Amino acid sequence: MQIFDSNALIHCIQDAVREELEKALKEIKLQDPVHSQKEKLLTKKEMADELGVSLVTLTDWMKKGLPYLRLHKRIYFRREEVLNAMSKKSRTAR
């Protein structure tokens, strides 16, 4: 004799885990909002605007080694990674 419906139990556990994960993520974001902003991926347009250069210049820098990510057909940048690479490049150019 089965007291619990196994599918109902599975859904109950999934819902409980989902709720706890959502709570944990909210807490993490509240504790460190600056870190979440740093990790945001920027598009080519956003990165060019942030650096104050044209898209053509940014593309040229990518060919010369500026770090970027390709996800499917789109290109993204991690702000901190780009700024670190640029600061290293400017130190070696001196």
N, C-alpha and C. Protein backbone atom coordinates (compact mmCIF):
# COMPACT_ATOMS: atom_id res chain seq x y z
N MET A 1 0.83 -1.17 0.00
CA MET A 1 0.00 0.00 0.00
C MET A 1 0.89 1.25 0.00
N GLN A 2 0.57 2.16 -0.90
CA GLN A 2 1.37 3.37 -1.07
C GLN A 2 0.63 4.55 -0.44
N ILE A 3 1.29 5.21 0.53
CA ILE A 3 0.66 6.32 1.23
C ILE A 3 0.82 7.61 0.44
N PHE A 4 1.99 7.82 -0.19
CA PHE A 4 2.27 9.04 -0.92
C PHE A 4 2.27 8.77 -2.42
N ASP A 5 1.81 9.72 -3.15
CA ASP A 5 1.92 9.67 -4.61
C ASP A 5 3.35 10.12 -4.94
N SER A 6 4.12 9.28 -5.61
CA SER A 6 5.52 9.59 -5.86
C SER A 6 5.70 10.84 -6.73
N ASN A 7 4.83 11.06 -7.70
CA ASN A 7 4.93 12.27 -8.52
C ASN A 7 4.67 13.53 -7.70
N ALA A 8 3.70 13.46 -6.81
CA ALA A 8 3.39 14.61 -5.96
C ALA A 8 4.56 14.91 -5.03
N LEU A 9 5.20 13.86 -4.53
CA LEU A 9 6.36 14.03 -3.66
C LEU A 9 7.53 14.66 -4.43
N ILE A 10 7.75 14.22 -5.64
CA ILE A 10 8.82 14.78 -6.48
C ILE A 10 8.57 16.27 -6.72
N HIS A 11 7.36 16.64 -7.08
CA HIS A 11 7.03 18.05 -7.32
C HIS A 11 7.17 18.88 -6.05
N CYS A 12 6.79 18.32 -4.93
CA CYS A 12 6.90 19.02 -3.66
C CYS A 12 8.38 19.30 -3.33
N ILE A 13 9.22 18.33 -3.53
CA ILE A 13 10.66 18.49 -3.28
C ILE A 13 11.25 19.51 -4.25
N GLN A 14 10.89 19.42 -5.52
CA GLN A 14 11.39 20.37 -6.52
C GLN A 14 11.00 21.80 -6.14
N ASP A 15 9.76 22.01 -5.74
CA ASP A 15 9.30 23.34 -5.35
C ASP A 15 10.06 23.87 -4.13
N ALA A 16 10.29 23.00 -3.16
CA ALA A 16 11.02 23.41 -1.96
C ALA A 16 12.45 23.79 -2.28
N VAL A 17 13.12 23.00 -3.12
CA VAL A 17 14.50 23.29 -3.51
C VAL A 17 14.55 24.60 -4.30
N ARG A 18 13.62 24.79 -5.22
CA ARG A 18 13.57 26.00 -6.04
C ARG A 18 13.42 27.24 -5.14
N GLU A 19 12.51 27.17 -4.17
CA GLU A 19 12.30 28.29 -3.26
C GLU A 19 13.56 28.61 -2.47
N GLU A 20 14.24 27.59 -1.98
CA GLU A 20 15.46 27.82 -1.20
C GLU A 20 16.57 28.41 -2.07
N LEU A 21 16.70 27.95 -3.30
CA LEU A 21 17.70 28.51 -4.21
C LEU A 21 17.41 29.97 -4.52
N GLU A 22 16.16 30.30 -4.75
CA GLU A 22 15.79 31.69 -5.02
C GLU A 22 16.11 32.58 -3.82
N LYS A 23 15.83 32.08 -2.62
CA LYS A 23 16.15 32.85 -1.41
C LYS A 23 17.66 33.08 -1.31
N ALA A 24 18.44 32.03 -1.55
CA ALA A 24 19.89 32.13 -1.45
C ALA A 24 20.45 33.12 -2.47
N LEU A 25 19.93 33.08 -3.69
CA LEU A 25 20.39 34.00 -4.72
C LEU A 25 20.06 35.44 -4.37
N LYS A 26 18.88 35.68 -3.83
CA LYS A 26 18.50 37.03 -3.41
C LYS A 26 19.44 37.54 -2.33
N GLU A 27 19.77 36.67 -1.38
CA GLU A 27 20.67 37.06 -0.29
C GLU A 27 22.05 37.40 -0.83
N ILE A 28 22.54 36.61 -1.76
CA ILE A 28 23.86 36.85 -2.34
C ILE A 28 23.87 38.20 -3.06
N LYS A 29 22.84 38.48 -3.83
CA LYS A 29 22.76 39.74 -4.56
C LYS A 29 22.66 40.92 -3.61
N LEU A 30 21.94 40.77 -2.51
CA LEU A 30 21.81 41.85 -1.54
C LEU A 30 23.12 42.09 -0.80
N GLN A 31 23.87 41.03 -0.54
CA GLN A 31 25.12 41.16 0.18
C GLN A 31 26.21 41.80 -0.66
N ASP A 32 26.21 41.56 -1.97
CA ASP A 32 27.30 42.03 -2.81
C ASP A 32 26.78 42.57 -4.14
N PRO A 33 26.06 43.71 -4.13
CA PRO A 33 25.51 44.24 -5.38
C PRO A 33 26.59 44.71 -6.35
N VAL A 34 27.75 45.14 -5.84
CA VAL A 34 28.83 45.60 -6.71
C VAL A 34 29.37 44.45 -7.54
N HIS A 35 29.50 43.27 -6.91
CA HIS A 35 30.03 42.11 -7.64
C HIS A 35 29.10 41.72 -8.78
N SER A 36 27.79 41.80 -8.58
CA SER A 36 26.86 41.43 -9.66
C SER A 36 27.01 42.37 -10.84
N GLN A 37 27.30 43.65 -10.59
CA GLN A 37 27.48 44.61 -11.69
C GLN A 37 28.76 44.31 -12.46
N LYS A 38 29.81 43.90 -11.75
CA LYS A 38 31.08 43.61 -12.41
C LYS A 38 30.95 42.44 -13.37
N GLU A 39 30.15 41.47 -13.02
CA GLU A 39 30.04 40.25 -13.80
C GLU A 39 29.11 40.39 -15.01
N LYS A 40 28.41 41.50 -15.12
CA LYS A 40 27.50 41.69 -16.24
C LYS A 40 28.30 41.71 -17.54
N LEU A 41 27.83 40.96 -18.51
CA LEU A 41 28.48 40.95 -19.82
C LEU A 41 28.02 42.16 -20.62
N LEU A 42 28.97 42.81 -21.27
CA LEU A 42 28.66 43.99 -22.08
C LEU A 42 28.70 43.64 -23.56
N THR A 43 27.82 44.24 -24.33
CA THR A 43 27.83 44.06 -25.78
C THR A 43 28.95 44.91 -26.37
N LYS A 44 29.21 44.74 -27.66
CA LYS A 44 30.24 45.55 -28.31
C LYS A 44 29.90 47.03 -28.21
N LYS A 45 28.66 47.37 -28.41
CA LYS A 45 28.23 48.77 -28.36
C LYS A 45 28.44 49.34 -26.95
N GLU A 46 28.02 48.57 -25.93
CA GLU A 46 28.18 49.03 -24.55
C GLU A 46 29.66 49.20 -24.18
N MET A 47 30.50 48.25 -24.62
CA MET A 47 31.93 48.32 -24.31
C MET A 47 32.57 49.50 -25.02
N ALA A 48 32.21 49.72 -26.28
CA ALA A 48 32.76 50.85 -27.04
C ALA A 48 32.35 52.16 -26.38
N ASP A 49 31.10 52.27 -25.97
CA ASP A 49 30.63 53.49 -25.28
C ASP A 49 31.39 53.70 -23.97
N GLU A 50 31.59 52.62 -23.22
CA GLU A 50 32.28 52.72 -21.94
C GLU A 50 33.73 53.17 -22.13
N LEU A 51 34.37 52.69 -23.18
CA LEU A 51 35.76 53.06 -23.44
C LEU A 51 35.89 54.37 -24.20
N GLY A 52 34.79 54.84 -24.77
CA GLY A 52 34.81 56.08 -25.53
C GLY A 52 35.48 55.94 -26.88
N VAL A 53 35.30 54.77 -27.51
CA VAL A 53 35.88 54.52 -28.83
C VAL A 53 34.78 54.06 -29.78
N SER A 54 35.12 54.04 -31.06
CA SER A 54 34.15 53.58 -32.06
C SER A 54 34.12 52.05 -32.09
N LEU A 55 33.09 51.51 -32.73
CA LEU A 55 33.01 50.05 -32.89
C LEU A 55 34.17 49.54 -33.76
N VAL A 56 34.60 50.34 -34.73
CA VAL A 56 35.71 49.95 -35.59
C VAL A 56 36.99 49.82 -34.77
N THR A 57 37.23 50.78 -33.89
CA THR A 57 38.42 50.74 -33.04
C THR A 57 38.37 49.54 -32.10
N LEU A 58 37.21 49.30 -31.51
CA LEU A 58 37.05 48.16 -30.60
C LEU A 58 37.32 46.85 -31.34
N THR A 59 36.81 46.72 -32.56
CA THR A 59 37.04 45.52 -33.36
C THR A 59 38.53 45.36 -33.66
N ASP A 60 39.21 46.46 -33.95
CA ASP A 60 40.65 46.42 -34.20
C ASP A 60 41.40 45.94 -32.95
N TRP A 61 41.00 46.44 -31.79
CA TRP A 61 41.63 46.03 -30.54
C TRP A 61 41.37 44.55 -30.27
N MET A 62 40.19 44.05 -30.64
CA MET A 62 39.89 42.62 -30.47
C MET A 62 40.85 41.79 -31.30
N LYS A 63 41.13 42.23 -32.51
CA LYS A 63 42.07 41.51 -33.38
C LYS A 63 43.48 41.52 -32.80
N LYS A 64 43.77 42.55 -32.00
CA LYS A 64 45.10 42.68 -31.39
C LYS A 64 45.18 42.02 -30.02
N GLY A 65 44.10 41.36 -29.60
CA GLY A 65 44.17 40.60 -28.36
C GLY A 65 43.29 41.04 -27.22
N LEU A 66 42.42 42.02 -27.42
CA LEU A 66 41.50 42.43 -26.36
C LEU A 66 40.58 41.25 -26.03
N PRO A 67 40.47 40.86 -24.74
CA PRO A 67 39.68 39.67 -24.41
C PRO A 67 38.17 39.88 -24.62
N TYR A 68 37.55 38.87 -25.21
CA TYR A 68 36.10 38.91 -25.41
C TYR A 68 35.56 37.49 -25.42
N LEU A 69 34.26 37.38 -25.33
CA LEU A 69 33.58 36.08 -25.35
C LEU A 69 32.68 36.01 -26.57
N ARG A 70 32.65 34.87 -27.21
CA ARG A 70 31.73 34.67 -28.32
C ARG A 70 30.71 33.63 -27.88
N LEU A 71 29.46 34.06 -27.79
CA LEU A 71 28.37 33.16 -27.44
C LEU A 71 27.44 33.09 -28.64
N HIS A 72 27.45 31.96 -29.28
CA HIS A 72 26.75 31.77 -30.55
C HIS A 72 27.34 32.77 -31.55
N LYS A 73 26.55 33.65 -32.10
CA LYS A 73 27.09 34.62 -33.07
C LYS A 73 27.31 35.99 -32.45
N ARG A 74 27.10 36.11 -31.15
CA ARG A 74 27.22 37.40 -30.48
C ARG A 74 28.55 37.50 -29.72
N ILE A 75 29.00 38.74 -29.55
CA ILE A 75 30.25 39.00 -28.86
C ILE A 75 29.95 39.81 -27.60
N TYR A 76 30.58 39.39 -26.50
CA TYR A 76 30.40 40.06 -25.22
C TYR A 76 31.75 40.30 -24.57
N PHE A 77 31.76 41.23 -23.63
CA PHE A 77 32.97 41.56 -22.90
C PHE A 77 32.70 41.54 -21.40
N ARG A 78 33.71 41.14 -20.64
CA ARG A 78 33.68 41.30 -19.19
C ARG A 78 34.45 42.58 -18.90
N ARG A 79 33.79 43.53 -18.31
CA ARG A 79 34.36 44.86 -18.08
C ARG A 79 35.71 44.80 -17.38
N GLU A 80 35.76 44.10 -16.25
CA GLU A 80 37.00 44.04 -15.46
C GLU A 80 38.13 43.38 -16.25
N GLU A 81 37.79 42.35 -17.01
CA GLU A 81 38.80 41.65 -17.80
C GLU A 81 39.41 42.58 -18.86
N VAL A 82 38.57 43.35 -19.51
CA VAL A 82 39.04 44.29 -20.54
C VAL A 82 39.90 45.37 -19.91
N LEU A 83 39.43 45.94 -18.80
CA LEU A 83 40.19 47.00 -18.15
C LEU A 83 41.54 46.50 -17.65
N ASN A 84 41.57 45.28 -17.11
CA ASN A 84 42.85 44.70 -16.67
C ASN A 84 43.79 44.49 -17.84
N ALA A 85 43.28 43.98 -18.94
CA ALA A 85 44.12 43.75 -20.12
C ALA A 85 44.66 45.06 -20.66
N MET A 86 43.83 46.10 -20.65
CA MET A 86 44.27 47.39 -21.15
C MET A 86 45.31 48.01 -20.23
N SER A 87 45.17 47.85 -18.94
CA SER A 87 46.15 48.42 -18.01
C SER A 87 47.48 47.68 -18.12
N LYS A 88 47.44 46.36 -18.33
CA LYS A 88 48.68 45.59 -18.52
C LYS A 88 49.37 46.03 -19.81
N LYS A 89 48.57 46.23 -20.84
CA LYS A 89 49.11 46.63 -22.14
C LYS A 89 49.77 48.00 -22.04
N SER A 90 49.14 48.93 -21.31
CA SER A 90 49.70 50.28 -21.20
C SER A 90 50.98 50.26 -20.35
N ARG A 91 51.08 49.36 -19.37
CA ARG A 91 52.30 49.25 -18.56
C ARG A 91 53.46 48.72 -19.38
N THR A 92 53.17 47.76 -20.27
CA THR A 92 54.25 47.17 -21.08
C THR A 92 54.67 48.09 -22.20
N ALA A 93 53.81 49.02 -22.60
CA ALA A 93 54.12 49.93 -23.70
C ALA A 93 55.05 51.05 -23.24
N ARG A 94 55.20 51.24 -21.96
CA ARG A 94 56.03 52.35 -21.44
C ARG A 94 57.49 52.07 -21.58
